[in-house]
PDB file of all heavy atoms in Angstrom:
ATOM      1  N   LYS A   1     -49.139 -60.796 -36.845  1.00  0.00           N
ATOM      2  CA  LYS A   1     -49.955 -61.953 -36.497  1.00  0.00           C
ATOM      3  C   LYS A   1     -51.439 -61.632 -36.438  1.00  0.00           C
ATOM      4  O   LYS A   1     -52.247 -62.494 -36.115  1.00  0.00           O
ATOM      5  CB  LYS A   1     -49.491 -62.524 -35.162  1.00  0.00           C
ATOM      6  CG  LYS A   1     -48.056 -63.025 -35.161  1.00  0.00           C
ATOM      7  CD  LYS A   1     -47.671 -63.563 -33.789  1.00  0.00           C
ATOM      8  CE  LYS A   1     -46.230 -64.063 -33.795  1.00  0.00           C
ATOM      9  NZ  LYS A   1     -45.842 -64.575 -32.448  1.00  0.00           N
ATOM     10  N   GLY A   2     -51.752 -60.331 -36.715  1.00  0.00           N
ATOM     11  CA  GLY A   2     -53.147 -59.937 -36.660  1.00  0.00           C
ATOM     12  C   GLY A   2     -53.631 -59.628 -35.259  1.00  0.00           C
ATOM     13  O   GLY A   2     -54.834 -59.512 -35.027  1.00  0.00           O
ATOM     14  N   GLU A   3     -52.671 -59.477 -34.311  1.00  0.00           N
ATOM     15  CA  GLU A   3     -53.032 -59.200 -32.926  1.00  0.00           C
ATOM     16  C   GLU A   3     -52.959 -57.705 -32.641  1.00  0.00           C
ATOM     17  O   GLU A   3     -52.116 -56.992 -33.207  1.00  0.00           O
ATOM     18  CB  GLU A   3     -52.109 -59.971 -31.976  1.00  0.00           C
ATOM     19  CG  GLU A   3     -52.196 -61.481 -32.129  1.00  0.00           C
ATOM     20  CD  GLU A   3     -51.200 -62.214 -31.251  1.00  0.00           C
ATOM     21  OE1 GLU A   3     -50.358 -61.535 -30.619  1.00  0.00           O
ATOM     22  OE2 GLU A   3     -51.248 -63.462 -31.201  1.00  0.00           O
ATOM     23  N   ARG A   4     -53.790 -57.198 -31.751  1.00  0.00           N
ATOM     24  CA  ARG A   4     -53.828 -55.776 -31.411  1.00  0.00           C
ATOM     25  C   ARG A   4     -52.583 -55.359 -30.637  1.00  0.00           C
ATOM     26  O   ARG A   4     -52.179 -56.026 -29.694  1.00  0.00           O
ATOM     27  CB  ARG A   4     -55.077 -55.453 -30.600  1.00  0.00           C
ATOM     28  CG  ARG A   4     -56.386 -55.587 -31.380  1.00  0.00           C
ATOM     29  CD  ARG A   4     -57.566 -55.140 -30.555  1.00  0.00           C
ATOM     30  NE  ARG A   4     -58.831 -55.258 -31.295  1.00  0.00           N
ATOM     31  CZ  ARG A   4     -60.009 -54.876 -30.846  1.00  0.00           C
ATOM     32  NH1 ARG A   4     -60.094 -54.315 -29.635  1.00  0.00           N
ATOM     33  NH2 ARG A   4     -61.093 -55.027 -31.590  1.00  0.00           N
ATOM     34  N   CYS A   5     -52.006 -54.237 -31.049  1.00  0.00           N
ATOM     35  CA  CYS A   5     -50.843 -53.692 -30.369  1.00  0.00           C
ATOM     36  C   CYS A   5     -51.287 -52.771 -29.227  1.00  0.00           C
ATOM     37  O   CYS A   5     -52.377 -52.188 -29.272  1.00  0.00           O
ATOM     38  CB  CYS A   5     -49.960 -52.919 -31.336  1.00  0.00           C
ATOM     39  SG  CYS A   5     -49.266 -53.907 -32.671  1.00  0.00           S
ATOM     40  N   THR A   6     -50.439 -52.615 -28.233  1.00  0.00           N
ATOM     41  CA  THR A   6     -50.670 -51.678 -27.135  1.00  0.00           C
ATOM     42  C   THR A   6     -49.398 -50.890 -26.875  1.00  0.00           C
ATOM     43  O   THR A   6     -48.301 -51.295 -27.273  1.00  0.00           O
ATOM     44  CB  THR A   6     -51.110 -52.405 -25.852  1.00  0.00           C
ATOM     45  OG1 THR A   6     -50.088 -53.328 -25.465  1.00  0.00           O
ATOM     46  CG2 THR A   6     -52.428 -53.124 -26.050  1.00  0.00           C
ATOM     47  N   GLY A   7     -49.548 -49.732 -26.201  1.00  0.00           N
ATOM     48  CA  GLY A   7     -48.392 -48.899 -25.892  1.00  0.00           C
ATOM     49  C   GLY A   7     -48.038 -47.967 -27.039  1.00  0.00           C
ATOM     50  O   GLY A   7     -48.863 -47.611 -27.864  1.00  0.00           O
ATOM     51  N   TRP A   8     -46.753 -47.558 -27.077  1.00  0.00           N
ATOM     52  CA  TRP A   8     -46.286 -46.610 -28.089  1.00  0.00           C
ATOM     53  C   TRP A   8     -46.109 -47.291 -29.440  1.00  0.00           C
ATOM     54  O   TRP A   8     -45.622 -48.415 -29.529  1.00  0.00           O
ATOM     55  CB  TRP A   8     -44.967 -45.985 -27.659  1.00  0.00           C
ATOM     56  CG  TRP A   8     -45.101 -45.030 -26.516  1.00  0.00           C
ATOM     57  CD1 TRP A   8     -44.795 -45.260 -25.210  1.00  0.00           C
ATOM     58  CD2 TRP A   8     -45.600 -43.698 -26.582  1.00  0.00           C
ATOM     59  NE1 TRP A   8     -45.079 -44.157 -24.447  1.00  0.00           N
ATOM     60  CE2 TRP A   8     -45.566 -43.171 -25.276  1.00  0.00           C
ATOM     61  CE3 TRP A   8     -46.069 -42.892 -27.614  1.00  0.00           C
ATOM     62  CZ2 TRP A   8     -45.982 -41.884 -24.965  1.00  0.00           C
ATOM     63  CZ3 TRP A   8     -46.488 -41.614 -27.315  1.00  0.00           C
ATOM     64  CH2 TRP A   8     -46.440 -41.115 -26.003  1.00  0.00           C
ATOM     65  N   LEU A   9     -46.479 -46.577 -30.498  1.00  0.00           N
ATOM     66  CA  LEU A   9     -46.376 -47.073 -31.870  1.00  0.00           C
ATOM     67  C   LEU A   9     -45.825 -45.960 -32.747  1.00  0.00           C
ATOM     68  O   LEU A   9     -46.389 -44.866 -32.805  1.00  0.00           O
ATOM     69  CB  LEU A   9     -47.734 -47.542 -32.387  1.00  0.00           C
ATOM     70  CG  LEU A   9     -47.790 -47.957 -33.868  1.00  0.00           C
ATOM     71  CD1 LEU A   9     -46.990 -49.244 -34.080  1.00  0.00           C
ATOM     72  CD2 LEU A   9     -49.238 -48.134 -34.325  1.00  0.00           C
ATOM     73  N   LEU A  10     -44.693 -46.232 -33.428  1.00  0.00           N
ATOM     74  CA  LEU A  10     -44.082 -45.256 -34.323  1.00  0.00           C
ATOM     75  C   LEU A  10     -44.479 -45.552 -35.760  1.00  0.00           C
ATOM     76  O   LEU A  10     -44.269 -46.650 -36.264  1.00  0.00           O
ATOM     77  CB  LEU A  10     -42.555 -45.275 -34.184  1.00  0.00           C
ATOM     78  CG  LEU A  10     -41.782 -44.296 -35.084  1.00  0.00           C
ATOM     79  CD1 LEU A  10     -42.156 -42.858 -34.773  1.00  0.00           C
ATOM     80  CD2 LEU A  10     -40.273 -44.495 -34.926  1.00  0.00           C
ATOM     81  N   GLN A  11     -45.053 -44.550 -36.424  1.00  0.00           N
ATOM     82  CA  GLN A  11     -45.413 -44.616 -37.831  1.00  0.00           C
ATOM     83  C   GLN A  11     -44.802 -43.422 -38.562  1.00  0.00           C
ATOM     84  O   GLN A  11     -44.153 -42.568 -37.951  1.00  0.00           O
ATOM     85  CB  GLN A  11     -46.944 -44.606 -37.990  1.00  0.00           C
ATOM     86  CG  GLN A  11     -47.631 -45.831 -37.375  1.00  0.00           C
ATOM     87  CD  GLN A  11     -47.438 -47.079 -38.184  1.00  0.00           C
ATOM     88  OE1 GLN A  11     -48.075 -47.281 -39.217  1.00  0.00           O
ATOM     89  NE2 GLN A  11     -46.542 -47.960 -37.726  1.00  0.00           N
ATOM     90  N   ASP A  12     -44.965 -43.392 -39.873  1.00  0.00           N
ATOM     91  CA  ASP A  12     -44.398 -42.288 -40.652  1.00  0.00           C
ATOM     92  C   ASP A  12     -44.896 -40.934 -40.175  1.00  0.00           C
ATOM     93  O   ASP A  12     -44.165 -39.941 -40.216  1.00  0.00           O
ATOM     94  CB  ASP A  12     -44.721 -42.462 -42.139  1.00  0.00           C
ATOM     95  CG  ASP A  12     -44.017 -43.662 -42.756  1.00  0.00           C
ATOM     96  OD1 ASP A  12     -42.996 -44.106 -42.180  1.00  0.00           O
ATOM     97  OD2 ASP A  12     -44.485 -44.158 -43.791  1.00  0.00           O
ATOM     98  N   GLU A  13     -46.134 -40.883 -39.729  1.00  0.00           N
ATOM     99  CA  GLU A  13     -46.725 -39.616 -39.294  1.00  0.00           C
ATOM    100  C   GLU A  13     -46.216 -39.168 -37.928  1.00  0.00           C
ATOM    101  O   GLU A  13     -46.327 -37.996 -37.575  1.00  0.00           O
ATOM    102  CB  GLU A  13     -48.248 -39.715 -39.256  1.00  0.00           C
ATOM    103  CG  GLU A  13     -48.899 -40.042 -40.596  1.00  0.00           C
ATOM    104  CD  GLU A  13     -48.848 -41.542 -40.896  1.00  0.00           C
ATOM    105  OE1 GLU A  13     -48.396 -42.308 -40.013  1.00  0.00           O
ATOM    106  OE2 GLU A  13     -49.220 -41.942 -42.013  1.00  0.00           O
ATOM    107  N   GLY A  14     -45.670 -40.096 -37.138  1.00  0.00           N
ATOM    108  CA  GLY A  14     -45.193 -39.781 -35.806  1.00  0.00           C
ATOM    109  C   GLY A  14     -45.552 -40.870 -34.808  1.00  0.00           C
ATOM    110  O   GLY A  14     -45.841 -42.011 -35.188  1.00  0.00           O
ATOM    111  N   TRP A  15     -45.563 -40.502 -33.535  1.00  0.00           N
ATOM    112  CA  TRP A  15     -45.850 -41.454 -32.469  1.00  0.00           C
ATOM    113  C   TRP A  15     -47.334 -41.481 -32.137  1.00  0.00           C
ATOM    114  O   TRP A  15     -47.988 -40.452 -32.087  1.00  0.00           O
ATOM    115  CB  TRP A  15     -45.064 -41.086 -31.210  1.00  0.00           C
ATOM    116  CG  TRP A  15     -43.604 -41.441 -31.284  1.00  0.00           C
ATOM    117  CD1 TRP A  15     -42.580 -40.608 -31.609  1.00  0.00           C
ATOM    118  CD2 TRP A  15     -43.017 -42.716 -31.029  1.00  0.00           C
ATOM    119  NE1 TRP A  15     -41.389 -41.276 -31.575  1.00  0.00           N
ATOM    120  CE2 TRP A  15     -41.632 -42.586 -31.221  1.00  0.00           C
ATOM    121  CE3 TRP A  15     -43.527 -43.960 -30.665  1.00  0.00           C
ATOM    122  CZ2 TRP A  15     -40.740 -43.635 -31.057  1.00  0.00           C
ATOM    123  CZ3 TRP A  15     -42.644 -45.017 -30.502  1.00  0.00           C
ATOM    124  CH2 TRP A  15     -41.274 -44.851 -30.692  1.00  0.00           C
ATOM    125  N   TYR A  16     -47.827 -42.701 -31.912  1.00  0.00           N
ATOM    126  CA  TYR A  16     -49.193 -42.932 -31.476  1.00  0.00           C
ATOM    127  C   TYR A  16     -49.158 -43.660 -30.135  1.00  0.00           C
ATOM    128  O   TYR A  16     -48.166 -44.307 -29.790  1.00  0.00           O
ATOM    129  CB  TYR A  16     -49.979 -43.779 -32.483  1.00  0.00           C
ATOM    130  CG  TYR A  16     -50.147 -43.144 -33.837  1.00  0.00           C
ATOM    131  CD1 TYR A  16     -49.130 -43.181 -34.776  1.00  0.00           C
ATOM    132  CD2 TYR A  16     -51.332 -42.514 -34.192  1.00  0.00           C
ATOM    133  CE1 TYR A  16     -49.280 -42.605 -36.029  1.00  0.00           C
ATOM    134  CE2 TYR A  16     -51.504 -41.939 -35.447  1.00  0.00           C
ATOM    135  CZ  TYR A  16     -50.470 -41.998 -36.356  1.00  0.00           C
ATOM    136  OH  TYR A  16     -50.626 -41.428 -37.602  1.00  0.00           O
ATOM    137  N   TYR A  17     -50.268 -43.553 -29.388  1.00  0.00           N
ATOM    138  CA  TYR A  17     -50.377 -44.311 -28.152  1.00  0.00           C
ATOM    139  C   TYR A  17     -51.633 -45.163 -28.190  1.00  0.00           C
ATOM    140  O   TYR A  17     -52.745 -44.663 -28.394  1.00  0.00           O
ATOM    141  CB  TYR A  17     -50.410 -43.399 -26.929  1.00  0.00           C
ATOM    142  CG  TYR A  17     -50.326 -44.177 -25.633  1.00  0.00           C
ATOM    143  CD1 TYR A  17     -49.124 -44.732 -25.219  1.00  0.00           C
ATOM    144  CD2 TYR A  17     -51.448 -44.384 -24.839  1.00  0.00           C
ATOM    145  CE1 TYR A  17     -49.033 -45.466 -24.046  1.00  0.00           C
ATOM    146  CE2 TYR A  17     -51.369 -45.105 -23.673  1.00  0.00           C
ATOM    147  CZ  TYR A  17     -50.155 -45.649 -23.273  1.00  0.00           C
ATOM    148  OH  TYR A  17     -50.071 -46.384 -22.117  1.00  0.00           O
ATOM    149  N   LEU A  18     -51.421 -46.497 -28.027  1.00  0.00           N
ATOM    150  CA  LEU A  18     -52.502 -47.468 -28.039  1.00  0.00           C
ATOM    151  C   LEU A  18     -52.785 -47.896 -26.601  1.00  0.00           C
ATOM    152  O   LEU A  18     -51.954 -48.534 -25.954  1.00  0.00           O
ATOM    153  CB  LEU A  18     -52.118 -48.671 -28.910  1.00  0.00           C
ATOM    154  CG  LEU A  18     -51.599 -48.300 -30.315  1.00  0.00           C
ATOM    155  CD1 LEU A  18     -51.110 -49.526 -31.052  1.00  0.00           C
ATOM    156  CD2 LEU A  18     -52.672 -47.574 -31.117  1.00  0.00           C
ATOM    157  N   ASP A  19     -53.927 -47.496 -26.091  1.00  0.00           N
ATOM    158  CA  ASP A  19     -54.272 -47.632 -24.680  1.00  0.00           C
ATOM    159  C   ASP A  19     -54.551 -49.088 -24.324  1.00  0.00           C
ATOM    160  O   ASP A  19     -55.515 -49.686 -24.794  1.00  0.00           O
ATOM    161  CB  ASP A  19     -55.478 -46.752 -24.354  1.00  0.00           C
ATOM    162  CG  ASP A  19     -55.619 -46.498 -22.868  1.00  0.00           C
ATOM    163  OD1 ASP A  19     -55.014 -47.240 -22.067  1.00  0.00           O
ATOM    164  OD2 ASP A  19     -56.326 -45.543 -22.488  1.00  0.00           O
ATOM    165  N   ALA A  20     -53.680 -49.657 -23.476  1.00  0.00           N
ATOM    166  CA  ALA A  20     -53.870 -51.042 -23.058  1.00  0.00           C
ATOM    167  C   ALA A  20     -55.139 -51.218 -22.235  1.00  0.00           C
ATOM    168  O   ALA A  20     -55.761 -52.280 -22.261  1.00  0.00           O
ATOM    169  CB  ALA A  20     -52.653 -51.517 -22.262  1.00  0.00           C
ATOM    170  N   GLU A  21     -55.521 -50.177 -21.496  1.00  0.00           N
ATOM    171  CA  GLU A  21     -56.734 -50.251 -20.682  1.00  0.00           C
ATOM    172  C   GLU A  21     -57.995 -50.301 -21.533  1.00  0.00           C
ATOM    173  O   GLU A  21     -59.063 -50.636 -21.031  1.00  0.00           O
ATOM    174  CB  GLU A  21     -56.789 -49.057 -19.728  1.00  0.00           C
ATOM    175  CG  GLU A  21     -55.648 -49.046 -18.700  1.00  0.00           C
ATOM    176  CD  GLU A  21     -55.730 -47.861 -17.771  1.00  0.00           C
ATOM    177  OE1 GLU A  21     -56.623 -47.011 -17.969  1.00  0.00           O
ATOM    178  OE2 GLU A  21     -54.910 -47.792 -16.835  1.00  0.00           O
ATOM    179  N   LYS A  22     -57.856 -49.941 -22.807  1.00  0.00           N
ATOM    180  CA  LYS A  22     -58.990 -49.981 -23.719  1.00  0.00           C
ATOM    181  C   LYS A  22     -58.731 -50.945 -24.872  1.00  0.00           C
ATOM    182  O   LYS A  22     -59.143 -50.711 -26.000  1.00  0.00           O
ATOM    183  CB  LYS A  22     -59.305 -48.580 -24.233  1.00  0.00           C
ATOM    184  CG  LYS A  22     -59.731 -47.616 -23.136  1.00  0.00           C
ATOM    185  CD  LYS A  22     -60.080 -46.248 -23.698  1.00  0.00           C
ATOM    186  CE  LYS A  22     -60.542 -45.304 -22.591  1.00  0.00           C
ATOM    187  NZ  LYS A  22     -60.888 -43.946 -23.129  1.00  0.00           N
ATOM    188  N   ASP A  23     -57.997 -52.028 -24.541  1.00  0.00           N
ATOM    189  CA  ASP A  23     -57.761 -53.099 -25.503  1.00  0.00           C
ATOM    190  C   ASP A  23     -57.011 -52.611 -26.738  1.00  0.00           C
ATOM    191  O   ASP A  23     -57.244 -53.094 -27.847  1.00  0.00           O
ATOM    192  CB  ASP A  23     -59.073 -53.785 -25.893  1.00  0.00           C
ATOM    193  CG  ASP A  23     -58.851 -55.154 -26.536  1.00  0.00           C
ATOM    194  OD1 ASP A  23     -57.804 -55.773 -26.238  1.00  0.00           O
ATOM    195  OD2 ASP A  23     -59.708 -55.600 -27.312  1.00  0.00           O
ATOM    196  N   GLY A  24     -56.144 -51.614 -26.550  1.00  0.00           N
ATOM    197  CA  GLY A  24     -55.324 -51.140 -27.656  1.00  0.00           C
ATOM    198  C   GLY A  24     -55.926 -50.019 -28.480  1.00  0.00           C
ATOM    199  O   GLY A  24     -55.393 -49.687 -29.548  1.00  0.00           O
ATOM    200  N   ALA A  25     -57.038 -49.430 -28.031  1.00  0.00           N
ATOM    201  CA  ALA A  25     -57.656 -48.342 -28.782  1.00  0.00           C
ATOM    202  C   ALA A  25     -56.711 -47.144 -28.847  1.00  0.00           C
ATOM    203  O   ALA A  25     -56.086 -46.771 -27.862  1.00  0.00           O
ATOM    204  CB  ALA A  25     -58.982 -47.936 -28.140  1.00  0.00           C
TER     205      ALA A  25
END
């Protein structure tokens, strides 16, 4: 939907963390 994700994100390279306190950075 074009909206910013937060929390854990799994991609081909591995797991990422999108900081909710920083608007998903």
